[in-house]
Amino acid sequence: MIDILDHIYFFTNLQLAFFGVAMTVFTVLFSFIINKKNDLKFSISKKRSGDDSPSLHLNIAFLKNQIKTLKRINSKLLLIIMFTFFFFVISYLIAFFFSVSCWLYYFDVFFVGILFLEFFFGFYIIWKLILYYLKVIKISE
């Protein structure tokens, strides 16, 4: 019984770690989105003031695309934040209230399944960030 309780405590700690990492990346990307939106507002005001150059149109399109991509990534991170916080609270409550219960085995199996899903989703987010990074730093000839 102690082994399963240790697994649940491990799961609780892992959820808290995932939550912290997701919050950090979310806030960094959020600040990038705000910065890009300010750049977009500046470019649009330049366009409205009469500058109709092709490079300005390209810059506006590029900024809109960047904002859209970063918002998409941040929305996925927001899901991770909500789910990891939810599972952190649930696992903490289970460890607290069901410390001597036959249900611990079923909770442990459930939490292991959740961990695999979170790892898969985390790898998906990392893959998308890497693809976005490679797309942004690509040097066109």
C-alpha atoms as a PDB file:
ATOM      1  CA  MET A   1       0.000   0.000   0.000  1.00  0.00           C
ATOM      2  CA  ILE A   2       2.909   2.340   0.733  1.00  0.00           C
ATOM      3  CA  ASP A   3       4.284   1.856  -2.796  1.00  0.00           C
ATOM      4  CA  ILE A   4       1.060   3.029  -4.392  1.00  0.00           C
ATOM      5  CA  LEU A   5       0.853   6.017  -2.054  1.00  0.00           C
ATOM      6  CA  ASP A   6       4.423   6.916  -3.043  1.00  0.00           C
ATOM      7  CA  HIS A   7       3.371   6.774  -6.694  1.00  0.00           C
ATOM      8  CA  ILE A   8       0.496   9.143  -6.002  1.00  0.00           C
ATOM      9  CA  TYR A   9       2.807  11.559  -4.170  1.00  0.00           C
ATOM     10  CA  PHE A  10       5.230  11.328  -7.093  1.00  0.00           C
ATOM     11  CA  PHE A  11       2.362  12.054  -9.485  1.00  0.00           C
ATOM     12  CA  THR A  12       1.347  15.047  -7.354  1.00  0.00           C
ATOM     13  CA  ASN A  13       4.895  16.440  -7.437  1.00  0.00           C
ATOM     14  CA  LEU A  14       5.186  15.818 -11.161  1.00  0.00           C
ATOM     15  CA  GLN A  15       1.918  17.661 -11.794  1.00  0.00           C
ATOM     16  CA  LEU A  16       3.201  20.608  -9.807  1.00  0.00           C
ATOM     17  CA  ALA A  17       6.427  20.615 -11.846  1.00  0.00           C
ATOM     18  CA  PHE A  18       4.515  20.435 -15.160  1.00  0.00           C
ATOM     19  CA  PHE A  19       2.281  23.238 -13.946  1.00  0.00           C
ATOM     20  CA  GLY A  20       5.284  25.450 -13.137  1.00  0.00           C
ATOM     21  CA  VAL A  21       7.016  24.827 -16.452  1.00  0.00           C
ATOM     22  CA  ALA A  22       3.805  25.392 -18.439  1.00  0.00           C
ATOM     23  CA  MET A  23       3.113  28.635 -16.548  1.00  0.00           C
ATOM     24  CA  THR A  24       6.632  29.869 -17.262  1.00  0.00           C
ATOM     25  CA  VAL A  25       6.468  29.125 -20.984  1.00  0.00           C
ATOM     26  CA  PHE A  26       2.923  30.543 -21.150  1.00  0.00           C
ATOM     27  CA  THR A  27       3.959  33.866 -19.604  1.00  0.00           C
ATOM     28  CA  VAL A  28       7.018  34.165 -21.846  1.00  0.00           C
ATOM     29  CA  LEU A  29       4.966  33.493 -24.986  1.00  0.00           C
ATOM     30  CA  PHE A  30       2.262  35.840 -23.713  1.00  0.00           C
ATOM     31  CA  SER A  31       4.821  38.643 -23.434  1.00  0.00           C
ATOM     32  CA  PHE A  32       5.975  37.861 -26.991  1.00  0.00           C
ATOM     33  CA  ILE A  33       2.355  38.094 -28.190  1.00  0.00           C
ATOM     34  CA  ILE A  34       1.931  41.475 -26.507  1.00  0.00           C
ATOM     35  CA  ASN A  35       5.186  42.700 -28.046  1.00  0.00           C
ATOM     36  CA  LYS A  36       4.181  41.490 -31.516  1.00  0.00           C
ATOM     37  CA  LYS A  37       0.737  43.107 -31.162  1.00  0.00           C
ATOM     38  CA  ASN A  38       2.388  46.421 -30.311  1.00  0.00           C
ATOM     39  CA  ASP A  39       4.648  46.051 -33.365  1.00  0.00           C
ATOM     40  CA  LEU A  40       1.569  45.275 -35.474  1.00  0.00           C
ATOM     41  CA  LYS A  41      -0.252  48.375 -34.184  1.00  0.00           C
ATOM     42  CA  PHE A  42       2.782  50.489 -35.044  1.00  0.00           C
ATOM     43  CA  SER A  43       3.008  49.019 -38.551  1.00  0.00           C
ATOM     44  CA  ILE A  44      -0.707  49.503 -39.150  1.00  0.00           C
ATOM     45  CA  SER A  45      -0.480  53.134 -38.015  1.00  0.00           C
ATOM     46  CA  LYS A  46       2.421  53.635 -40.446  1.00  0.00           C
ATOM     47  CA  LYS A  47       0.289  52.163 -43.223  1.00  0.00           C
ATOM     48  CA  ARG A  48      -2.620  54.447 -42.347  1.00  0.00           C
ATOM     49  CA  SER A  49      -0.346  57.472 -42.385  1.00  0.00           C
ATOM     50  CA  GLY A  50       0.436  56.876 -46.037  1.00  0.00           C
ATOM     51  CA  ASP A  51       3.344  54.422 -46.170  1.00  0.00           C
ATOM     52  CA  ASP A  52       2.186  51.832 -48.696  1.00  0.00           C
ATOM     53  CA  SER A  53       5.453  50.000 -49.283  1.00  0.00           C
ATOM     54  CA  PRO A  54       5.542  46.268 -50.065  1.00  0.00           C
ATOM     55  CA  SER A  55       7.938  45.663 -47.183  1.00  0.00           C
ATOM     56  CA  LEU A  56       5.396  47.161 -44.759  1.00  0.00           C
ATOM     57  CA  HIS A  57       2.657  44.867 -46.151  1.00  0.00           C
ATOM     58  CA  LEU A  58       4.999  41.908 -45.770  1.00  0.00           C
ATOM     59  CA  ASN A  59       5.857  42.962 -42.215  1.00  0.00           C
ATOM     60  CA  ILE A  60       2.172  43.235 -41.284  1.00  0.00           C
ATOM     61  CA  ALA A  61       1.416  39.801 -42.752  1.00  0.00           C
ATOM     62  CA  PHE A  62       4.437  38.307 -40.960  1.00  0.00           C
ATOM     63  CA  LEU A  63       3.409  39.826 -37.616  1.00  0.00           C
ATOM     64  CA  LYS A  64      -0.173  38.569 -37.999  1.00  0.00           C
ATOM     65  CA  ASN A  65       1.106  35.071 -38.763  1.00  0.00           C
ATOM     66  CA  GLN A  66       3.470  35.137 -35.773  1.00  0.00           C
ATOM     67  CA  ILE A  67       0.716  36.298 -33.424  1.00  0.00           C
ATOM     68  CA  LYS A  68      -1.629  33.592 -34.722  1.00  0.00           C
ATOM     69  CA  THR A  69       0.983  30.859 -34.252  1.00  0.00           C
ATOM     70  CA  LEU A  70       1.954  32.025 -30.765  1.00  0.00           C
ATOM     71  CA  LYS A  71      -1.718  32.261 -29.744  1.00  0.00           C
ATOM     72  CA  ARG A  72      -2.287  28.703 -30.939  1.00  0.00           C
ATOM     73  CA  ILE A  73       0.663  27.424 -28.904  1.00  0.00           C
ATOM     74  CA  ASN A  74      -0.416  29.428 -25.860  1.00  0.00           C
ATOM     75  CA  SER A  75      -3.945  28.048 -26.034  1.00  0.00           C
ATOM     76  CA  LYS A  76      -2.514  24.520 -25.845  1.00  0.00           C
ATOM     77  CA  LEU A  77      -0.319  25.565 -22.934  1.00  0.00           C
ATOM     78  CA  LEU A  78      -3.385  26.972 -21.203  1.00  0.00           C
ATOM     79  CA  LEU A  79      -4.992  23.527 -21.469  1.00  0.00           C
ATOM     80  CA  ILE A  80      -1.891  21.955 -19.938  1.00  0.00           C
ATOM     81  CA  ILE A  81      -1.987  24.506 -17.115  1.00  0.00           C
ATOM     82  CA  MET A  82      -5.625  23.813 -16.332  1.00  0.00           C
ATOM     83  CA  PHE A  83      -5.317  20.027 -16.487  1.00  0.00           C
ATOM     84  CA  THR A  84      -2.084  19.802 -14.492  1.00  0.00           C
ATOM     85  CA  PHE A  85      -3.510  22.028 -11.787  1.00  0.00           C
ATOM     86  CA  PHE A  86      -6.720  19.977 -11.722  1.00  0.00           C
ATOM     87  CA  PHE A  87      -4.807  16.672 -11.479  1.00  0.00           C
ATOM     88  CA  PHE A  88      -2.473  18.136  -8.859  1.00  0.00           C
ATOM     89  CA  VAL A  89      -5.423  19.047  -6.638  1.00  0.00           C
ATOM     90  CA  ILE A  90      -7.216  15.732  -7.257  1.00  0.00           C
ATOM     91  CA  SER A  91      -4.131  13.616  -6.572  1.00  0.00           C
ATOM     92  CA  TYR A  92      -3.353  15.600  -3.444  1.00  0.00           C
ATOM     93  CA  LEU A  93      -6.900  15.107  -2.163  1.00  0.00           C
ATOM     94  CA  ILE A  94      -6.807  11.389  -3.010  1.00  0.00           C
ATOM     95  CA  ALA A  95      -3.512  10.937  -1.169  1.00  0.00           C
ATOM     96  CA  PHE A  96      -4.906  12.853   1.787  1.00  0.00           C
ATOM     97  CA  PHE A  97      -8.338  11.215   2.065  1.00  0.00           C
ATOM     98  CA  PHE A  98      -7.735   7.709   0.679  1.00  0.00           C
ATOM     99  CA  SER A  99      -4.366   6.918   2.249  1.00  0.00           C
ATOM    100  CA  VAL A 100      -5.650   3.540   3.482  1.00  0.00           C
ATOM    101  CA  SER A 101      -7.978   2.356   0.782  1.00  0.00           C
ATOM    102  CA  CYS A 102      -8.197  -0.414  -1.777  1.00  0.00           C
ATOM    103  CA  TRP A 103      -9.046   2.276  -4.347  1.00  0.00           C
ATOM    104  CA  LEU A 104      -5.435   3.489  -4.356  1.00  0.00           C
ATOM    105  CA  TYR A 105      -4.432   0.877  -6.940  1.00  0.00           C
ATOM    106  CA  TYR A 106      -7.095   2.108  -9.372  1.00  0.00           C
ATOM    107  CA  PHE A 107      -6.121   5.720  -8.798  1.00  0.00           C
ATOM    108  CA  ASP A 108      -2.493   4.781  -9.419  1.00  0.00           C
ATOM    109  CA  VAL A 109      -3.307   3.103 -12.748  1.00  0.00           C
ATOM    110  CA  PHE A 110      -5.437   6.095 -13.748  1.00  0.00           C
ATOM    111  CA  PHE A 111      -2.644   8.532 -12.892  1.00  0.00           C
ATOM    112  CA  VAL A 112      -0.079   6.546 -14.863  1.00  0.00           C
ATOM    113  CA  GLY A 113      -2.386   6.780 -17.885  1.00  0.00           C
ATOM    114  CA  ILE A 114      -2.715  10.539 -17.355  1.00  0.00           C
ATOM    115  CA  LEU A 115       1.081  10.861 -17.172  1.00  0.00           C
ATOM    116  CA  PHE A 116       1.486   9.129 -20.528  1.00  0.00           C
ATOM    117  CA  LEU A 117      -1.082  11.462 -22.079  1.00  0.00           C
ATOM    118  CA  GLU A 118       0.678  14.499 -20.605  1.00  0.00           C
ATOM    119  CA  PHE A 119       4.048  13.303 -21.877  1.00  0.00           C
ATOM    120  CA  PHE A 120       2.572  12.821 -25.335  1.00  0.00           C
ATOM    121  CA  PHE A 121       0.935  16.248 -25.307  1.00  0.00           C
ATOM    122  CA  GLY A 122       4.113  17.841 -23.919  1.00  0.00           C
ATOM    123  CA  PHE A 123       6.197  16.298 -26.687  1.00  0.00           C
ATOM    124  CA  TYR A 124       3.627  17.557 -29.198  1.00  0.00           C
ATOM    125  CA  ILE A 125       3.951  21.118 -27.851  1.00  0.00           C
ATOM    126  CA  ILE A 126       7.753  20.891 -27.884  1.00  0.00           C
ATOM    127  CA  TRP A 127       7.653  19.578 -31.472  1.00  0.00           C
ATOM    128  CA  LYS A 128       5.410  22.461 -32.550  1.00  0.00           C
ATOM    129  CA  LEU A 129       7.726  24.975 -30.841  1.00  0.00           C
ATOM    130  CA  ILE A 130      10.759  23.470 -32.572  1.00  0.00           C
ATOM    131  CA  LEU A 131       9.031  23.587 -35.969  1.00  0.00           C
ATOM    132  CA  TYR A 132       7.990  27.188 -35.347  1.00  0.00           C
ATOM    133  CA  TYR A 133      11.532  28.064 -34.251  1.00  0.00           C
ATOM    134  CA  LEU A 134      13.023  26.484 -37.365  1.00  0.00           C
ATOM    135  CA  LYS A 135      10.496  28.315 -39.542  1.00  0.00           C
ATOM    136  CA  VAL A 136      11.277  31.684 -37.930  1.00  0.00           C
ATOM    137  CA  ILE A 137      15.057  31.386 -38.114  1.00  0.00           C
ATOM    138  CA  LYS A 138      15.028  30.040 -41.670  1.00  0.00           C
ATOM    139  CA  ILE A 139      17.102  32.246 -43.930  1.00  0.00           C
ATOM    140  CA  SER A 140      15.474  32.759 -47.273  1.00  0.00           C
ATOM    141  CA  GLU A 141      17.650  33.332 -50.316  1.00  0.00           C
END
